[in-house]
Amino acid sequence: MNGAGDMNGDGTMSNVHLAQINIGRMKGPLDGPIMAGFMARLDDLNALAERSEGFIWRMQGDDGNNTYLRPYDDERIIVNMSVWTSIEALRNYVYGSAHAAVLKQRREWFEKFESAMLALWWVPAGHIPTVDEAKARLASLDARGPTPFAFTLATTFPPMEVVA
């Protein structure tokens, strides 16, 4: 055993999970014609995530999605947060499922972002990340690039490098 925790049989750590936040600046109102294609797919994407291997939690409101939350001054920025058992589980959902096709269409609905739009970080198993925690990870990624505190799918860090 190393200091980070016990390994599960699938190579994931039993006492840490992967948190993620991704944000996007909408090209138009959620209920407008520009966002209609995205909104038409959102419930299916959320259901697919929940059925995906390694999925643990996602932030959602009473309507089942998280499009109501506006934690930034820019009202067009929407937020998605979730927790997964591993980087590989999240990667499989993002790039190896029907989510990948929707991801390829993102420019139809979302503007190109000038700063970090995705941040990943390790959390203790059972921890539900807060929006403020997630915003701090995005800000860190913008200021310092990928570090064990906040990283991306392209540049990852193993749980044992996480500093408490």
N, C-alpha and C. Protein backbone atom coordinates (compact mmCIF):
# COMPACT_ATOMS: atom_id res chain seq x y z
N MET A 1 0.85 -1.18 0.00
CA MET A 1 0.00 0.00 0.00
C MET A 1 0.89 1.24 0.00
N ASN A 2 0.53 2.24 -0.81
CA ASN A 2 1.23 3.51 -0.76
C ASN A 2 0.44 4.47 0.11
N GLY A 3 0.91 5.69 0.25
CA GLY A 3 0.26 6.66 1.13
C GLY A 3 -1.08 7.16 0.62
N ALA A 4 -1.40 6.93 -0.65
CA ALA A 4 -2.62 7.48 -1.23
C ALA A 4 -3.84 6.62 -0.97
N GLY A 5 -3.66 5.35 -0.66
CA GLY A 5 -4.83 4.53 -0.39
C GLY A 5 -4.74 3.17 -1.03
N ASP A 6 -5.82 2.43 -0.95
CA ASP A 6 -5.87 1.07 -1.45
C ASP A 6 -6.25 1.05 -2.92
N MET A 7 -5.61 0.14 -3.66
CA MET A 7 -5.96 -0.05 -5.06
C MET A 7 -7.13 -1.00 -5.15
N ASN A 8 -8.09 -0.66 -6.00
CA ASN A 8 -9.17 -1.58 -6.33
C ASN A 8 -8.64 -2.55 -7.38
N GLY A 9 -9.36 -3.57 -7.67
CA GLY A 9 -8.95 -4.54 -8.68
C GLY A 9 -8.84 -3.95 -10.07
N ASP A 10 -9.50 -2.82 -10.33
CA ASP A 10 -9.46 -2.22 -11.66
C ASP A 10 -8.39 -1.13 -11.80
N GLY A 11 -7.52 -0.98 -10.81
CA GLY A 11 -6.45 0.00 -10.89
C GLY A 11 -6.84 1.37 -10.37
N THR A 12 -8.08 1.55 -9.91
CA THR A 12 -8.49 2.83 -9.35
C THR A 12 -8.21 2.82 -7.85
N MET A 13 -8.14 3.99 -7.28
CA MET A 13 -7.91 4.11 -5.85
C MET A 13 -9.25 4.06 -5.12
N SER A 14 -9.29 3.36 -4.01
CA SER A 14 -10.56 3.20 -3.30
C SER A 14 -10.89 4.38 -2.41
N ASN A 15 -9.90 5.22 -2.07
CA ASN A 15 -10.22 6.31 -1.16
C ASN A 15 -10.10 7.69 -1.80
N VAL A 16 -9.92 7.74 -3.12
CA VAL A 16 -9.92 9.02 -3.83
C VAL A 16 -10.77 8.90 -5.08
N HIS A 17 -11.38 10.01 -5.45
CA HIS A 17 -12.16 10.09 -6.68
C HIS A 17 -11.71 11.32 -7.46
N LEU A 18 -12.13 11.37 -8.70
CA LEU A 18 -11.77 12.47 -9.59
C LEU A 18 -12.94 13.43 -9.73
N ALA A 19 -12.73 14.68 -9.36
CA ALA A 19 -13.75 15.72 -9.54
C ALA A 19 -13.44 16.46 -10.83
N GLN A 20 -14.49 16.95 -11.48
CA GLN A 20 -14.29 17.75 -12.68
C GLN A 20 -15.29 18.87 -12.72
N ILE A 21 -14.85 19.99 -13.29
CA ILE A 21 -15.74 21.10 -13.64
C ILE A 21 -15.44 21.43 -15.10
N ASN A 22 -16.49 21.69 -15.84
CA ASN A 22 -16.31 22.28 -17.16
C ASN A 22 -17.35 23.37 -17.33
N ILE A 23 -16.92 24.42 -17.99
CA ILE A 23 -17.79 25.57 -18.18
C ILE A 23 -17.84 25.92 -19.66
N GLY A 24 -18.90 26.62 -20.04
CA GLY A 24 -19.03 27.07 -21.41
C GLY A 24 -19.81 28.37 -21.45
N ARG A 25 -19.44 29.23 -22.40
CA ARG A 25 -20.17 30.48 -22.60
C ARG A 25 -21.13 30.29 -23.77
N MET A 26 -22.41 30.29 -23.46
CA MET A 26 -23.45 30.05 -24.47
C MET A 26 -23.45 31.16 -25.53
N LYS A 27 -23.76 30.77 -26.75
CA LYS A 27 -23.89 31.75 -27.84
C LYS A 27 -25.25 32.45 -27.81
N GLY A 28 -26.19 31.90 -27.08
CA GLY A 28 -27.52 32.49 -26.99
C GLY A 28 -28.22 32.00 -25.74
N PRO A 29 -29.43 32.49 -25.47
CA PRO A 29 -30.19 32.05 -24.30
C PRO A 29 -30.48 30.54 -24.35
N LEU A 30 -30.54 29.92 -23.18
CA LEU A 30 -30.84 28.49 -23.10
C LEU A 30 -32.12 28.11 -23.82
N ASP A 31 -33.11 28.95 -23.74
CA ASP A 31 -34.40 28.64 -24.35
C ASP A 31 -34.54 29.19 -25.77
N GLY A 32 -33.43 29.66 -26.34
CA GLY A 32 -33.46 30.20 -27.69
C GLY A 32 -33.07 29.19 -28.75
N PRO A 33 -33.20 29.58 -30.01
CA PRO A 33 -32.93 28.65 -31.11
C PRO A 33 -31.48 28.19 -31.21
N ILE A 34 -30.53 29.03 -30.83
CA ILE A 34 -29.11 28.65 -30.93
C ILE A 34 -28.80 27.47 -30.02
N MET A 35 -29.34 27.47 -28.82
CA MET A 35 -29.04 26.43 -27.83
C MET A 35 -29.99 25.24 -27.91
N ALA A 36 -30.96 25.27 -28.80
CA ALA A 36 -31.98 24.21 -28.87
C ALA A 36 -31.36 22.83 -29.10
N GLY A 37 -30.39 22.72 -29.97
CA GLY A 37 -29.76 21.42 -30.23
C GLY A 37 -29.05 20.87 -29.02
N PHE A 38 -28.37 21.73 -28.28
CA PHE A 38 -27.69 21.32 -27.05
C PHE A 38 -28.70 20.88 -26.00
N MET A 39 -29.72 21.70 -25.78
CA MET A 39 -30.71 21.39 -24.76
C MET A 39 -31.48 20.11 -25.10
N ALA A 40 -31.69 19.84 -26.39
CA ALA A 40 -32.39 18.62 -26.81
C ALA A 40 -31.60 17.37 -26.46
N ARG A 41 -30.27 17.49 -26.34
CA ARG A 41 -29.42 16.33 -26.04
C ARG A 41 -29.04 16.22 -24.56
N LEU A 42 -29.26 17.26 -23.79
CA LEU A 42 -28.74 17.32 -22.43
C LEU A 42 -29.25 16.20 -21.52
N ASP A 43 -30.53 15.94 -21.52
CA ASP A 43 -31.06 14.88 -20.65
C ASP A 43 -30.47 13.52 -21.01
N ASP A 44 -30.33 13.25 -22.31
CA ASP A 44 -29.74 11.98 -22.74
C ASP A 44 -28.27 11.88 -22.32
N LEU A 45 -27.53 12.98 -22.45
CA LEU A 45 -26.12 12.97 -22.04
C LEU A 45 -25.98 12.75 -20.54
N ASN A 46 -26.84 13.40 -19.77
CA ASN A 46 -26.80 13.21 -18.32
C ASN A 46 -27.14 11.77 -17.94
N ALA A 47 -28.13 11.20 -18.59
CA ALA A 47 -28.50 9.80 -18.32
C ALA A 47 -27.36 8.86 -18.72
N LEU A 48 -26.72 9.14 -19.85
CA LEU A 48 -25.58 8.34 -20.28
C LEU A 48 -24.46 8.41 -19.27
N ALA A 49 -24.17 9.60 -18.76
CA ALA A 49 -23.13 9.74 -17.73
C ALA A 49 -23.46 8.89 -16.52
N GLU A 50 -24.69 8.98 -16.07
CA GLU A 50 -25.10 8.23 -14.87
C GLU A 50 -25.02 6.72 -15.06
N ARG A 51 -25.16 6.25 -16.29
CA ARG A 51 -25.05 4.81 -16.57
C ARG A 51 -23.61 4.38 -16.84
N SER A 52 -22.72 5.33 -16.99
CA SER A 52 -21.34 5.03 -17.37
C SER A 52 -20.56 4.43 -16.22
N GLU A 53 -19.69 3.49 -16.56
CA GLU A 53 -18.82 2.88 -15.57
C GLU A 53 -17.93 3.95 -14.95
N GLY A 54 -17.87 3.97 -13.63
CA GLY A 54 -17.02 4.91 -12.93
C GLY A 54 -17.70 6.21 -12.53
N PHE A 55 -18.94 6.43 -12.97
CA PHE A 55 -19.68 7.63 -12.58
C PHE A 55 -20.07 7.55 -11.11
N ILE A 56 -19.93 8.66 -10.38
CA ILE A 56 -20.31 8.70 -8.97
C ILE A 56 -21.40 9.75 -8.71
N TRP A 57 -21.21 10.97 -9.21
CA TRP A 57 -22.10 12.08 -8.86
C TRP A 57 -22.01 13.16 -9.93
N ARG A 58 -23.11 13.90 -10.09
CA ARG A 58 -23.09 15.12 -10.90
C ARG A 58 -23.97 16.16 -10.24
N MET A 59 -23.58 17.40 -10.39
CA MET A 59 -24.38 18.49 -9.84
C MET A 59 -25.64 18.64 -10.68
N GLN A 60 -26.76 18.74 -10.00
CA GLN A 60 -28.02 18.91 -10.72
C GLN A 60 -29.04 19.63 -9.85
N GLY A 61 -29.97 20.27 -10.52
CA GLY A 61 -31.05 20.96 -9.83
C GLY A 61 -32.32 20.13 -9.88
N ASP A 62 -33.41 20.74 -9.54
CA ASP A 62 -34.69 20.05 -9.49
C ASP A 62 -35.12 19.50 -10.85
N ASP A 63 -34.69 20.16 -11.92
CA ASP A 63 -35.08 19.70 -13.26
C ASP A 63 -34.15 18.64 -13.82
N GLY A 64 -33.17 18.21 -13.02
CA GLY A 64 -32.29 17.12 -13.45
C GLY A 64 -31.01 17.56 -14.13
N ASN A 65 -30.90 18.84 -14.46
CA ASN A 65 -29.63 19.31 -15.01
C ASN A 65 -29.15 20.49 -14.19
N ASN A 66 -28.07 21.10 -14.65
CA ASN A 66 -27.44 22.14 -13.85
C ASN A 66 -27.38 23.47 -14.60
N THR A 67 -28.26 23.67 -15.55
CA THR A 67 -28.17 24.86 -16.39
C THR A 67 -28.61 26.14 -15.69
N TYR A 68 -29.23 26.01 -14.53
CA TYR A 68 -29.70 27.18 -13.78
C TYR A 68 -28.57 27.92 -13.06
N LEU A 69 -27.50 27.23 -12.73
CA LEU A 69 -26.43 27.78 -11.89
C LEU A 69 -25.61 28.80 -12.66
N ARG A 70 -25.42 29.97 -12.09
CA ARG A 70 -24.62 31.03 -12.71
C ARG A 70 -23.61 31.57 -11.69
N PRO A 71 -22.51 30.84 -11.46
CA PRO A 71 -21.54 31.27 -10.45
C PRO A 71 -20.56 32.34 -10.92
N TYR A 72 -20.65 32.74 -12.18
CA TYR A 72 -19.78 33.79 -12.72
C TYR A 72 -20.59 35.04 -13.01
N ASP A 73 -19.92 36.17 -13.12
CA ASP A 73 -20.60 37.42 -13.44
C ASP A 73 -21.23 37.37 -14.82
N ASP A 74 -20.63 36.63 -15.72
CA ASP A 74 -21.15 36.48 -17.08
C ASP A 74 -22.32 35.48 -17.03
N GLU A 75 -23.52 35.95 -17.24
CA GLU A 75 -24.72 35.12 -17.16
C GLU A 75 -24.79 34.05 -18.26
N ARG A 76 -23.94 34.16 -19.27
CA ARG A 76 -23.97 33.17 -20.35
C ARG A 76 -23.09 31.95 -20.04
N ILE A 77 -22.36 31.98 -18.93
CA ILE A 77 -21.50 30.84 -18.57
C ILE A 77 -22.31 29.83 -17.78
N ILE A 78 -22.36 28.60 -18.31
CA ILE A 78 -23.01 27.52 -17.57
C ILE A 78 -21.94 26.53 -17.09
N VAL A 79 -22.29 25.78 -16.06
CA VAL A 79 -21.34 24.96 -15.34
C VAL A 79 -21.81 23.52 -15.28
N ASN A 80 -20.87 22.60 -15.42
CA ASN A 80 -21.12 21.19 -15.22
C ASN A 80 -20.06 20.68 -14.25
N MET A 81 -20.48 19.95 -13.24
CA MET A 81 -19.54 19.35 -12.28
C MET A 81 -19.95 17.90 -12.07
N SER A 82 -18.93 17.04 -11.92
CA SER A 82 -19.20 15.63 -11.65
C SER A 82 -18.01 15.01 -10.93
N VAL A 83 -18.23 13.80 -10.42
CA VAL A 83 -17.19 13.04 -9.74
C VAL A 83 -17.17 11.64 -10.34
N TRP A 84 -15.96 11.12 -10.57
CA TRP A 84 -15.74 9.82 -11.22
C TRP A 84 -14.73 9.01 -10.41
N THR A 85 -14.72 7.72 -10.65
CA THR A 85 -13.77 6.87 -9.93
C THR A 85 -12.34 7.06 -10.41
N SER A 86 -12.17 7.48 -11.66
CA SER A 86 -10.82 7.57 -12.22
C SER A 86 -10.78 8.47 -13.45
N ILE A 87 -9.59 8.84 -13.84
CA ILE A 87 -9.39 9.60 -15.08
C ILE A 87 -9.88 8.77 -16.26
N GLU A 88 -9.55 7.51 -16.27
CA GLU A 88 -9.95 6.65 -17.39
C GLU A 88 -11.47 6.55 -17.52
N ALA A 89 -12.17 6.47 -16.41
CA ALA A 89 -13.64 6.41 -16.47
C ALA A 89 -14.20 7.69 -17.09
N LEU A 90 -13.69 8.84 -16.67
CA LEU A 90 -14.15 10.11 -17.25
C LEU A 90 -13.77 10.18 -18.72
N ARG A 91 -12.55 9.82 -19.04
CA ARG A 91 -12.09 9.85 -20.43
C ARG A 91 -12.95 8.96 -21.32
N ASN A 92 -13.30 7.78 -20.82
CA ASN A 92 -14.15 6.87 -21.60
C ASN A 92 -15.52 7.49 -21.88
N TYR A 93 -16.07 8.17 -20.89
CA TYR A 93 -17.37 8.84 -21.11
C TYR A 93 -17.21 9.99 -22.11
N VAL A 94 -16.22 10.83 -21.91
CA VAL A 94 -16.06 12.03 -22.74
C VAL A 94 -15.77 11.68 -24.19
N TYR A 95 -14.84 10.75 -24.42
CA TYR A 95 -14.36 10.48 -25.78
C TYR A 95 -14.81 9.13 -26.35
N GLY A 96 -15.33 8.24 -25.52
CA GLY A 96 -15.66 6.90 -25.98
C GLY A 96 -17.13 6.57 -25.97
N SER A 97 -17.97 7.58 -25.85
CA SER A 97 -19.42 7.36 -25.82
C SER A 97 -20.09 8.35 -26.77
N ALA A 98 -21.40 8.37 -26.77
CA ALA A 98 -22.15 9.32 -27.59
C ALA A 98 -21.83 10.77 -27.22
N HIS A 99 -21.26 10.99 -26.06
CA HIS A 99 -20.84 12.33 -25.66
C HIS A 99 -19.83 12.91 -26.65
N ALA A 100 -18.99 12.08 -27.23
CA ALA A 100 -17.94 12.56 -28.14
C ALA A 100 -18.53 13.29 -29.35
N ALA A 101 -19.63 12.78 -29.90
CA ALA A 101 -20.26 13.42 -31.05
C ALA A 101 -20.80 14.80 -30.68
N VAL A 102 -21.38 14.92 -29.51
CA VAL A 102 -21.90 16.21 -29.05
C VAL A 102 -20.73 17.16 -28.79
N LEU A 103 -19.65 16.65 -28.22
CA LEU A 103 -18.47 17.46 -27.96
C LEU A 103 -17.93 18.07 -29.26
N LYS A 104 -17.96 17.32 -30.33
CA LYS A 104 -17.49 17.83 -31.63
C LYS A 104 -18.35 18.97 -32.15
N GLN A 105 -19.58 19.07 -31.68
CA GLN A 105 -20.51 20.12 -32.12
C GLN A 105 -20.51 21.33 -31.19
N ARG A 106 -19.69 21.34 -30.17
CA ARG A 106 -19.78 22.38 -29.13
C ARG A 106 -19.69 23.80 -29.66
N ARG A 107 -18.97 24.03 -30.75
CA ARG A 107 -18.84 25.39 -31.30
C ARG A 107 -20.16 25.91 -31.88
N GLU A 108 -21.10 25.02 -32.13
CA GLU A 108 -22.42 25.47 -32.58
C GLU A 108 -23.16 26.21 -31.46
N TRP A 109 -22.85 25.83 -30.20
CA TRP A 109 -23.60 26.34 -29.06
C TRP A 109 -22.78 27.21 -28.12
N PHE A 110 -21.46 26.98 -28.10
CA PHE A 110 -20.60 27.66 -27.12
C PHE A 110 -19.48 28.41 -27.81
N GLU A 111 -19.17 29.60 -27.28
CA GLU A 111 -18.07 30.40 -27.79
C GLU A 111 -16.74 29.77 -27.40
N LYS A 112 -15.72 30.07 -28.17
CA LYS A 112 -14.37 29.65 -27.81
C LYS A 112 -13.98 30.38 -26.54
N PHE A 113 -13.47 29.64 -25.59
CA PHE A 113 -13.15 30.21 -24.28
C PHE A 113 -11.69 30.66 -24.26
N GLU A 114 -11.43 31.82 -23.70
CA GLU A 114 -10.08 32.37 -23.66
C GLU A 114 -9.27 31.88 -22.47
N SER A 115 -9.90 31.17 -21.57
CA SER A 115 -9.22 30.65 -20.38
C SER A 115 -9.61 29.19 -20.20
N ALA A 116 -9.13 28.59 -19.12
CA ALA A 116 -9.43 27.18 -18.85
C ALA A 116 -10.94 26.97 -18.75
N MET A 117 -11.42 25.94 -19.41
CA MET A 117 -12.85 25.62 -19.36
C MET A 117 -13.09 24.27 -18.69
N LEU A 118 -12.01 23.55 -18.39
CA LEU A 118 -12.11 22.25 -17.73
C LEU A 118 -10.99 22.15 -16.70
N ALA A 119 -11.33 21.67 -15.52
CA ALA A 119 -10.32 21.38 -14.50
C ALA A 119 -10.69 20.06 -13.83
N LEU A 120 -9.66 19.29 -13.53
CA LEU A 120 -9.80 18.03 -12.80
C LEU A 120 -8.97 18.11 -11.53
N TRP A 121 -9.39 17.40 -10.49
CA TRP A 121 -8.62 17.29 -9.27
C TRP A 121 -9.11 16.10 -8.47
N TRP A 122 -8.21 15.59 -7.63
CA TRP A 122 -8.54 14.44 -6.79
C TRP A 122 -9.21 14.91 -5.51
N VAL A 123 -10.23 14.16 -5.09
CA VAL A 123 -10.94 14.45 -3.85
C VAL A 123 -11.03 13.16 -3.03
N PRO A 124 -11.15 13.29 -1.72
CA PRO A 124 -11.37 12.08 -0.92
C PRO A 124 -12.69 11.42 -1.32
N ALA A 125 -12.72 10.11 -1.32
CA ALA A 125 -13.96 9.39 -1.64
C ALA A 125 -15.07 9.90 -0.72
N GLY A 126 -16.23 10.17 -1.32
CA GLY A 126 -17.38 10.66 -0.57
C GLY A 126 -17.48 12.17 -0.51
N HIS A 127 -16.44 12.87 -0.92
CA HIS A 127 -16.47 14.34 -0.92
C HIS A 127 -17.23 14.84 -2.14
N ILE A 128 -18.15 15.75 -1.92
CA ILE A 128 -18.88 16.41 -3.01
C ILE A 128 -18.27 17.80 -3.16
N PRO A 129 -17.65 18.08 -4.29
CA PRO A 129 -16.99 19.38 -4.46
C PRO A 129 -18.00 20.52 -4.53
N THR A 130 -17.58 21.67 -4.02
CA THR A 130 -18.42 22.86 -4.07
C THR A 130 -18.08 23.67 -5.32
N VAL A 131 -18.97 24.56 -5.69
CA VAL A 131 -18.73 25.43 -6.84
C VAL A 131 -17.52 26.32 -6.58
N ASP A 132 -17.39 26.84 -5.36
CA ASP A 132 -16.23 27.70 -5.06
C ASP A 132 -14.92 26.91 -5.17
N GLU A 133 -14.93 25.68 -4.69
CA GLU A 133 -13.77 24.81 -4.81
C GLU A 133 -13.41 24.61 -6.29
N ALA A 134 -14.41 24.35 -7.10
CA ALA A 134 -14.20 24.12 -8.52
C ALA A 134 -13.70 25.37 -9.23
N LYS A 135 -14.26 26.52 -8.89
CA LYS A 135 -13.81 27.78 -9.49
C LYS A 135 -12.35 28.05 -9.14
N ALA A 136 -11.94 27.70 -7.92
CA ALA A 136 -10.54 27.88 -7.52
C ALA A 136 -9.62 26.98 -8.34
N ARG A 137 -10.09 25.79 -8.70
CA ARG A 137 -9.29 24.88 -9.53
C ARG A 137 -9.12 25.45 -10.94
N LEU A 138 -10.19 25.98 -11.50
CA LEU A 138 -10.09 26.62 -12.83
C LEU A 138 -9.14 27.81 -12.79
N ALA A 139 -9.26 28.64 -11.75
CA ALA A 139 -8.39 29.81 -11.63
C ALA A 139 -6.93 29.39 -11.49
N SER A 140 -6.67 28.33 -10.74
CA SER A 140 -5.31 27.83 -10.59
C SER A 140 -4.76 27.34 -11.92
N LEU A 141 -5.57 26.65 -12.68
CA LEU A 141 -5.16 26.16 -13.99
C LEU A 141 -4.80 27.33 -14.91
N ASP A 142 -5.59 28.38 -14.87
CA ASP A 142 -5.28 29.58 -15.66
C ASP A 142 -3.97 30.22 -15.23
N ALA A 143 -3.76 30.31 -13.92
CA ALA A 143 -2.58 31.01 -13.39
C ALA A 143 -1.29 30.20 -13.48
N ARG A 144 -1.37 28.88 -13.28
CA ARG A 144 -0.17 28.06 -13.15
C ARG A 144 -0.03 26.95 -14.17
N GLY A 145 -1.09 26.72 -14.94
CA GLY A 145 -1.08 25.55 -15.81
C GLY A 145 -1.36 24.31 -14.99
N PRO A 146 -1.28 23.13 -15.62
CA PRO A 146 -1.57 21.89 -14.89
C PRO A 146 -0.60 21.63 -13.74
N THR A 147 -1.16 21.34 -12.59
CA THR A 147 -0.42 20.97 -11.38
C THR A 147 -1.23 19.88 -10.68
N PRO A 148 -0.69 19.27 -9.64
CA PRO A 148 -1.51 18.30 -8.90
C PRO A 148 -2.78 18.92 -8.29
N PHE A 149 -2.81 20.25 -8.11
CA PHE A 149 -3.98 20.94 -7.57
C PHE A 149 -5.11 21.02 -8.58
N ALA A 150 -4.77 21.20 -9.85
CA ALA A 150 -5.76 21.31 -10.93
C ALA A 150 -5.09 20.92 -12.23
N PHE A 151 -5.69 19.98 -12.95
CA PHE A 151 -5.07 19.49 -14.17
C PHE A 151 -6.12 19.23 -15.22
N THR A 152 -5.70 18.67 -16.34
CA THR A 152 -6.60 18.44 -17.48
C THR A 152 -6.53 16.98 -17.90
N LEU A 153 -7.35 16.59 -18.84
CA LEU A 153 -7.28 15.23 -19.38
C LEU A 153 -5.99 15.02 -20.18
N ALA A 154 -5.42 16.09 -20.70
CA ALA A 154 -4.17 15.99 -21.47
C ALA A 154 -2.94 15.90 -20.56
N THR A 155 -2.99 16.54 -19.40
CA THR A 155 -1.88 16.53 -18.45
C THR A 155 -2.45 16.15 -17.10
N THR A 156 -2.24 14.91 -16.71
CA THR A 156 -2.83 14.40 -15.47
C THR A 156 -1.77 14.17 -14.40
N PHE A 157 -2.22 14.02 -13.17
CA PHE A 157 -1.37 13.71 -12.04
C PHE A 157 -2.00 12.58 -11.25
N PRO A 158 -1.21 11.63 -10.79
CA PRO A 158 -1.78 10.53 -10.01
C PRO A 158 -2.17 11.01 -8.61
N PRO A 159 -3.08 10.30 -7.97
CA PRO A 159 -3.55 10.71 -6.64
C PRO A 159 -2.44 10.85 -5.60
N MET A 160 -1.37 10.04 -5.71
CA MET A 160 -0.35 10.12 -4.67
C MET A 160 0.43 11.42 -4.72
N GLU A 161 0.28 12.20 -5.79
CA GLU A 161 0.96 13.50 -5.86
C GLU A 161 0.10 14.62 -5.31
N VAL A 162 -1.10 14.30 -4.88
CA VAL A 162 -1.99 15.32 -4.34
C VAL A 162 -1.48 15.75 -2.99
N VAL A 163 -1.37 17.07 -2.82
CA VAL A 163 -0.92 17.64 -1.55
C VAL A 163 -2.15 17.99 -0.73
N ALA A 164 -2.20 17.52 0.49
CA ALA A 164 -3.37 17.77 1.35
C ALA A 164 -3.49 19.22 1.72
